[in-house]
PDB file of all heavy atoms in Angstrom:
ATOM      1  N   ALA A   1      -5.189  -5.332  -0.268  1.00  0.00           N
ATOM      2  CA  ALA A   1      -4.589  -4.115  -0.825  1.00  0.00           C
ATOM      3  C   ALA A   1      -4.834  -4.052  -2.328  1.00  0.00           C
ATOM      4  O   ALA A   1      -5.133  -2.992  -2.883  1.00  0.00           O
ATOM      5  CB  ALA A   1      -3.088  -4.081  -0.524  1.00  0.00           C
ATOM      6  N   ILE A   2      -4.706  -5.201  -3.001  1.00  0.00           N
ATOM      7  CA  ILE A   2      -4.957  -5.262  -4.440  1.00  0.00           C
ATOM      8  C   ILE A   2      -6.421  -4.956  -4.747  1.00  0.00           C
ATOM      9  O   ILE A   2      -6.727  -4.213  -5.695  1.00  0.00           O
ATOM     10  CB  ILE A   2      -4.569  -6.656  -4.986  1.00  0.00           C
ATOM     11  CG1 ILE A   2      -3.056  -6.863  -4.890  1.00  0.00           C
ATOM     12  CG2 ILE A   2      -5.026  -6.808  -6.437  1.00  0.00           C
ATOM     13  CD1 ILE A   2      -2.608  -8.272  -5.260  1.00  0.00           C
ATOM     14  N   CYS A   3      -7.328  -5.502  -3.940  1.00  0.00           N
ATOM     15  CA  CYS A   3      -8.762  -5.237  -4.136  1.00  0.00           C
ATOM     16  C   CYS A   3      -9.088  -3.756  -3.989  1.00  0.00           C
ATOM     17  O   CYS A   3      -9.827  -3.178  -4.791  1.00  0.00           O
ATOM     18  CB  CYS A   3      -9.585  -6.045  -3.137  1.00  0.00           C
ATOM     19  SG  CYS A   3      -9.608  -7.824  -3.443  1.00  0.00           S
ATOM     20  N   ILE A   4      -8.511  -3.128  -2.954  1.00  0.00           N
ATOM     21  CA  ILE A   4      -8.750  -1.704  -2.717  1.00  0.00           C
ATOM     22  C   ILE A   4      -8.183  -0.878  -3.860  1.00  0.00           C
ATOM     23  O   ILE A   4      -8.792   0.099  -4.317  1.00  0.00           O
ATOM     24  CB  ILE A   4      -8.130  -1.272  -1.365  1.00  0.00           C
ATOM     25  CG1 ILE A   4      -8.874  -1.961  -0.209  1.00  0.00           C
ATOM     26  CG2 ILE A   4      -8.181   0.243  -1.204  1.00  0.00           C
ATOM     27  CD1 ILE A   4      -8.226  -1.748   1.144  1.00  0.00           C
ATOM     28  N   ALA A   5      -6.998  -1.262  -4.337  1.00  0.00           N
ATOM     29  CA  ALA A   5      -6.359  -0.534  -5.434  1.00  0.00           C
ATOM     30  C   ALA A   5      -7.238  -0.564  -6.683  1.00  0.00           C
ATOM     31  O   ALA A   5      -7.418   0.451  -7.357  1.00  0.00           O
ATOM     32  CB  ALA A   5      -4.987  -1.144  -5.729  1.00  0.00           C
ATOM     33  N   LYS A   6      -7.789  -1.734  -6.971  1.00  0.00           N
ATOM     34  CA  LYS A   6      -8.652  -1.860  -8.150  1.00  0.00           C
ATOM     35  C   LYS A   6      -9.925  -1.046  -7.987  1.00  0.00           C
ATOM     36  O   LYS A   6     -10.392  -0.402  -8.933  1.00  0.00           O
ATOM     37  CB  LYS A   6      -8.980  -3.333  -8.391  1.00  0.00           C
ATOM     38  CG  LYS A   6      -7.788  -4.158  -8.849  1.00  0.00           C
ATOM     39  CD  LYS A   6      -8.160  -5.625  -9.045  1.00  0.00           C
ATOM     40  CE  LYS A   6      -6.973  -6.432  -9.541  1.00  0.00           C
ATOM     41  NZ  LYS A   6      -7.300  -7.877  -9.710  1.00  0.00           N
ATOM     42  N   ASP A   7     -10.503  -1.046  -6.787  1.00  0.00           N
ATOM     43  CA  ASP A   7     -11.726  -0.275  -6.534  1.00  0.00           C
ATOM     44  C   ASP A   7     -11.485   1.227  -6.661  1.00  0.00           C
ATOM     45  O   ASP A   7     -12.358   1.973  -7.114  1.00  0.00           O
ATOM     46  CB  ASP A   7     -12.262  -0.584  -5.128  1.00  0.00           C
ATOM     47  CG  ASP A   7     -12.854  -1.988  -5.028  1.00  0.00           C
ATOM     48  OD1 ASP A   7     -13.158  -2.562  -6.095  1.00  0.00           O
ATOM     49  OD2 ASP A   7     -12.991  -2.493  -3.901  1.00  0.00           O
ATOM     50  N   MET A   8     -10.285   1.670  -6.267  1.00  0.00           N
ATOM     51  CA  MET A   8      -9.956   3.099  -6.300  1.00  0.00           C
ATOM     52  C   MET A   8      -9.380   3.533  -7.643  1.00  0.00           C
ATOM     53  O   MET A   8      -9.196   4.720  -7.899  1.00  0.00           O
ATOM     54  CB  MET A   8      -8.948   3.428  -5.187  1.00  0.00           C
ATOM     55  CG  MET A   8      -9.483   3.236  -3.775  1.00  0.00           C
ATOM     56  SD  MET A   8      -8.209   3.530  -2.516  1.00  0.00           S
ATOM     57  CE  MET A   8      -7.811   5.258  -2.825  1.00  0.00           C
ATOM     58  N   GLY A   9      -9.063   2.554  -8.494  1.00  0.00           N
ATOM     59  CA  GLY A   9      -8.480   2.884  -9.785  1.00  0.00           C
ATOM     60  C   GLY A   9      -7.032   3.327  -9.677  1.00  0.00           C
ATOM     61  O   GLY A   9      -6.515   4.023 -10.557  1.00  0.00           O
ATOM     62  N   VAL A  10      -6.377   2.924  -8.588  1.00  0.00           N
ATOM     63  CA  VAL A  10      -4.972   3.290  -8.357  1.00  0.00           C
ATOM     64  C   VAL A  10      -4.088   2.121  -8.769  1.00  0.00           C
ATOM     65  O   VAL A  10      -4.442   0.957  -8.567  1.00  0.00           O
ATOM     66  CB  VAL A  10      -4.728   3.622  -6.864  1.00  0.00           C
ATOM     67  CG1 VAL A  10      -3.271   3.982  -6.622  1.00  0.00           C
ATOM     68  CG2 VAL A  10      -5.644   4.751  -6.436  1.00  0.00           C
ATOM     69  N   SER A  11      -2.921   2.402  -9.356  1.00  0.00           N
ATOM     70  CA  SER A  11      -2.034   1.342  -9.818  1.00  0.00           C
ATOM     71  C   SER A  11      -1.435   0.557  -8.657  1.00  0.00           C
ATOM     72  O   SER A  11      -1.331   1.055  -7.532  1.00  0.00           O
ATOM     73  CB  SER A  11      -0.893   1.936 -10.658  1.00  0.00           C
ATOM     74  OG  SER A  11       0.010   2.653  -9.847  1.00  0.00           O
ATOM     75  N   GLU A  12      -1.038  -0.679  -8.945  1.00  0.00           N
ATOM     76  CA  GLU A  12      -0.411  -1.524  -7.927  1.00  0.00           C
ATOM     77  C   GLU A  12       0.865  -0.882  -7.398  1.00  0.00           C
ATOM     78  O   GLU A  12       1.169  -0.958  -6.206  1.00  0.00           O
ATOM     79  CB  GLU A  12      -0.084  -2.902  -8.524  1.00  0.00           C
ATOM     80  CG  GLU A  12      -1.302  -3.739  -8.875  1.00  0.00           C
ATOM     81  CD  GLU A  12      -0.936  -4.986  -9.647  1.00  0.00           C
ATOM     82  OE1 GLU A  12       0.249  -5.101 -10.048  1.00  0.00           O
ATOM     83  OE2 GLU A  12      -1.813  -5.836  -9.854  1.00  0.00           O
ATOM     84  N   PHE A  13       1.621  -0.243  -8.289  1.00  0.00           N
ATOM     85  CA  PHE A  13       2.890   0.373  -7.890  1.00  0.00           C
ATOM     86  C   PHE A  13       2.663   1.480  -6.867  1.00  0.00           C
ATOM     87  O   PHE A  13       3.371   1.564  -5.855  1.00  0.00           O
ATOM     88  CB  PHE A  13       3.607   0.937  -9.123  1.00  0.00           C
ATOM     89  CG  PHE A  13       4.940   1.565  -8.810  1.00  0.00           C
ATOM     90  CD1 PHE A  13       6.038   0.781  -8.499  1.00  0.00           C
ATOM     91  CD2 PHE A  13       5.085   2.949  -8.828  1.00  0.00           C
ATOM     92  CE1 PHE A  13       7.268   1.356  -8.206  1.00  0.00           C
ATOM     93  CE2 PHE A  13       6.309   3.536  -8.540  1.00  0.00           C
ATOM     94  CZ  PHE A  13       7.412   2.740  -8.230  1.00  0.00           C
ATOM     95  N   VAL A  14       1.672   2.340  -7.121  1.00  0.00           N
ATOM     96  CA  VAL A  14       1.383   3.440  -6.190  1.00  0.00           C
ATOM     97  C   VAL A  14       0.896   2.898  -4.847  1.00  0.00           C
ATOM     98  O   VAL A  14       1.298   3.389  -3.787  1.00  0.00           O
ATOM     99  CB  VAL A  14       0.340   4.409  -6.793  1.00  0.00           C
ATOM    100  CG1 VAL A  14      -0.124   5.417  -5.748  1.00  0.00           C
ATOM    101  CG2 VAL A  14       0.936   5.141  -7.988  1.00  0.00           C
ATOM    102  N   ILE A  15       0.030   1.886  -4.881  1.00  0.00           N
ATOM    103  CA  ILE A  15      -0.414   1.258  -3.630  1.00  0.00           C
ATOM    104  C   ILE A  15       0.787   0.673  -2.886  1.00  0.00           C
ATOM    105  O   ILE A  15       0.886   0.756  -1.659  1.00  0.00           O
ATOM    106  CB  ILE A  15      -1.456   0.150  -3.919  1.00  0.00           C
ATOM    107  CG1 ILE A  15      -2.777   0.775  -4.361  1.00  0.00           C
ATOM    108  CG2 ILE A  15      -1.689  -0.703  -2.677  1.00  0.00           C
ATOM    109  CD1 ILE A  15      -3.482   1.582  -3.293  1.00  0.00           C
ATOM    110  N   GLY A  16       1.708   0.081  -3.652  1.00  0.00           N
ATOM    111  CA  GLY A  16       2.896  -0.521  -3.038  1.00  0.00           C
ATOM    112  C   GLY A  16       3.788   0.488  -2.345  1.00  0.00           C
ATOM    113  O   GLY A  16       4.265   0.244  -1.232  1.00  0.00           O
ATOM    114  N   ILE A  17       4.023   1.647  -2.991  1.00  0.00           N
ATOM    115  CA  ILE A  17       4.948   2.634  -2.417  1.00  0.00           C
ATOM    116  C   ILE A  17       4.293   3.500  -1.338  1.00  0.00           C
ATOM    117  O   ILE A  17       4.995   4.253  -0.654  1.00  0.00           O
ATOM    118  CB  ILE A  17       5.541   3.564  -3.504  1.00  0.00           C
ATOM    119  CG1 ILE A  17       4.436   4.348  -4.213  1.00  0.00           C
ATOM    120  CG2 ILE A  17       6.367   2.794  -4.494  1.00  0.00           C
ATOM    121  CD1 ILE A  17       4.932   5.336  -5.236  1.00  0.00           C
ATOM    122  N   THR A  18       2.985   3.377  -1.165  1.00  0.00           N
ATOM    123  CA  THR A  18       2.306   4.201  -0.156  1.00  0.00           C
ATOM    124  C   THR A  18       1.695   3.335   0.951  1.00  0.00           C
ATOM    125  O   THR A  18       2.284   3.166   2.014  1.00  0.00           O
ATOM    126  CB  THR A  18       1.228   5.071  -0.817  1.00  0.00           C
ATOM    127  OG1 THR A  18       0.331   4.242  -1.579  1.00  0.00           O
ATOM    128  CG2 THR A  18       1.839   6.108  -1.731  1.00  0.00           C
ATOM    129  N   ILE A  19       0.516   2.773   0.709  1.00  0.00           N
ATOM    130  CA  ILE A  19      -0.223   2.049   1.754  1.00  0.00           C
ATOM    131  C   ILE A  19       0.522   0.812   2.234  1.00  0.00           C
ATOM    132  O   ILE A  19       0.730   0.611   3.435  1.00  0.00           O
ATOM    133  CB  ILE A  19      -1.623   1.648   1.242  1.00  0.00           C
ATOM    134  CG1 ILE A  19      -2.446   2.907   0.917  1.00  0.00           C
ATOM    135  CG2 ILE A  19      -2.357   0.811   2.292  1.00  0.00           C
ATOM    136  CD1 ILE A  19      -3.776   2.626   0.265  1.00  0.00           C
ATOM    137  N   VAL A  20       0.934  -0.045   1.283  1.00  0.00           N
ATOM    138  CA  VAL A  20       1.616  -1.285   1.661  1.00  0.00           C
ATOM    139  C   VAL A  20       2.966  -0.977   2.317  1.00  0.00           C
ATOM    140  O   VAL A  20       3.336  -1.591   3.317  1.00  0.00           O
ATOM    141  CB  VAL A  20       1.809  -2.205   0.438  1.00  0.00           C
ATOM    142  CG1 VAL A  20       2.598  -3.455   0.821  1.00  0.00           C
ATOM    143  CG2 VAL A  20       0.450  -2.610  -0.135  1.00  0.00           C
ATOM    144  N   ALA A  21       3.701  -0.008   1.748  1.00  0.00           N
ATOM    145  CA  ALA A  21       5.004   0.356   2.306  1.00  0.00           C
ATOM    146  C   ALA A  21       4.864   0.899   3.723  1.00  0.00           C
ATOM    147  O   ALA A  21       5.666   0.578   4.610  1.00  0.00           O
ATOM    148  CB  ALA A  21       5.683   1.393   1.414  1.00  0.00           C
ATOM    149  N   PHE A  22       3.848   1.710   3.951  1.00  0.00           N
ATOM    150  CA  PHE A  22       3.605   2.242   5.291  1.00  0.00           C
ATOM    151  C   PHE A  22       3.323   1.103   6.268  1.00  0.00           C
ATOM    152  O   PHE A  22       3.867   1.059   7.372  1.00  0.00           O
ATOM    153  CB  PHE A  22       2.427   3.215   5.270  1.00  0.00           C
ATOM    154  CG  PHE A  22       1.994   3.662   6.639  1.00  0.00           C
ATOM    155  CD1 PHE A  22       2.705   4.632   7.322  1.00  0.00           C
ATOM    156  CD2 PHE A  22       0.887   3.092   7.270  1.00  0.00           C
ATOM    157  CE1 PHE A  22       2.317   5.044   8.600  1.00  0.00           C
ATOM    158  CE2 PHE A  22       0.494   3.483   8.534  1.00  0.00           C
ATOM    159  CZ  PHE A  22       1.221   4.463   9.201  1.00  0.00           C
ATOM    160  N   GLY A  23       2.483   0.171   5.838  1.00  0.00           N
ATOM    161  CA  GLY A  23       2.126  -0.939   6.717  1.00  0.00           C
ATOM    162  C   GLY A  23       3.311  -1.809   7.075  1.00  0.00           C
ATOM    163  O   GLY A  23       3.513  -2.165   8.244  1.00  0.00           O
ATOM    164  N   THR A  24       4.121  -2.143   6.086  1.00  0.00           N
ATOM    165  CA  THR A  24       5.251  -3.034   6.351  1.00  0.00           C
ATOM    166  C   THR A  24       6.415  -2.313   7.031  1.00  0.00           C
ATOM    167  O   THR A  24       7.354  -2.968   7.500  1.00  0.00           O
ATOM    168  CB  THR A  24       5.755  -3.685   5.045  1.00  0.00           C
ATOM    169  OG1 THR A  24       6.079  -2.681   4.088  1.00  0.00           O
ATOM    170  CG2 THR A  24       4.692  -4.611   4.468  1.00  0.00           C
ATOM    171  N   SER A  25       6.368  -0.976   7.102  1.00  0.00           N
ATOM    172  CA  SER A  25       7.414  -0.212   7.804  1.00  0.00           C
ATOM    173  C   SER A  25       7.077  -0.002   9.281  1.00  0.00           C
ATOM    174  O   SER A  25       7.914   0.497  10.035  1.00  0.00           O
ATOM    175  CB  SER A  25       7.621   1.154   7.133  1.00  0.00           C
ATOM    176  OG  SER A  25       8.247   1.017   5.882  1.00  0.00           O
ATOM    177  N   LEU A  26       5.872  -0.371   9.681  1.00  0.00           N
ATOM    178  CA  LEU A  26       5.489  -0.178  11.086  1.00  0.00           C
ATOM    179  C   LEU A  26       6.370  -0.945  12.074  1.00  0.00           C
ATOM    180  O   LEU A  26       6.688  -0.416  13.143  1.00  0.00           O
ATOM    181  CB  LEU A  26       4.015  -0.549  11.280  1.00  0.00           C
ATOM    182  CG  LEU A  26       3.008   0.469  10.742  1.00  0.00           C
ATOM    183  CD1 LEU A  26       1.590  -0.007  10.983  1.00  0.00           C
ATOM    184  CD2 LEU A  26       3.211   1.834  11.388  1.00  0.00           C
ATOM    185  N   PRO A  27       6.799  -2.192  11.769  1.00  0.00           N
ATOM    186  CA  PRO A  27       7.719  -2.854  12.702  1.00  0.00           C
ATOM    187  C   PRO A  27       9.006  -2.060  12.921  1.00  0.00           C
ATOM    188  O   PRO A  27       9.514  -1.975  14.042  1.00  0.00           O
ATOM    189  CB  PRO A  27       7.998  -4.199  12.018  1.00  0.00           C
ATOM    190  CG  PRO A  27       6.774  -4.463  11.216  1.00  0.00           C
ATOM    191  CD  PRO A  27       6.356  -3.117  10.703  1.00  0.00           C
ATOM    192  N   GLU A  28       9.558  -1.468  11.847  1.00  0.00           N
ATOM    193  CA  GLU A  28      10.749  -0.628  11.984  1.00  0.00           C
ATOM    194  C   GLU A  28      10.454   0.588  12.848  1.00  0.00           C
ATOM    195  O   GLU A  28      11.293   1.002  13.670  1.00  0.00           O
ATOM    196  CB  GLU A  28      11.241  -0.156  10.606  1.00  0.00           C
ATOM    197  CG  GLU A  28      11.987  -1.204   9.808  1.00  0.00           C
ATOM    198  CD  GLU A  28      11.077  -2.035   8.916  1.00  0.00           C
ATOM    199  OE1 GLU A  28       9.854  -2.016   9.123  1.00  0.00           O
ATOM    200  OE2 GLU A  28      11.591  -2.710   8.032  1.00  0.00           O
ATOM    201  N   LEU A  29       9.263   1.175  12.652  1.00  0.00           N
ATOM    202  CA  LEU A  29       8.895   2.371  13.410  1.00  0.00           C
ATOM    203  C   LEU A  29       8.835   2.064  14.901  1.00  0.00           C
ATOM    204  O   LEU A  29       9.423   2.788  15.721  1.00  0.00           O
ATOM    205  CB  LEU A  29       7.535   2.888  12.922  1.00  0.00           C
ATOM    206  CG  LEU A  29       6.963   4.112  13.666  1.00  0.00           C
ATOM    207  CD1 LEU A  29       7.910   5.296  13.537  1.00  0.00           C
ATOM    208  CD2 LEU A  29       5.580   4.458  13.126  1.00  0.00           C
ATOM    209  N   VAL A  30       8.127   0.996  15.270  1.00  0.00           N
ATOM    210  CA  VAL A  30       7.992   0.622  16.677  1.00  0.00           C
ATOM    211  C   VAL A  30       9.361   0.289  17.280  1.00  0.00           C
ATOM    212  O   VAL A  30       9.724   0.767  18.359  1.00  0.00           O
ATOM    213  CB  VAL A  30       7.051  -0.584  16.836  1.00  0.00           C
ATOM    214  CG1 VAL A  30       7.044  -1.080  18.274  1.00  0.00           C
ATOM    215  CG2 VAL A  30       5.637  -0.209  16.400  1.00  0.00           C
TER     216      VAL A  30
END
């Protein structure tokens, strides 16, 4: 996730509240 964020020029915080947050919320969703 950090590698992708750096490649896209997106901050760690934004990656955290979007992509990473979505991924780690999947157990709750299921």
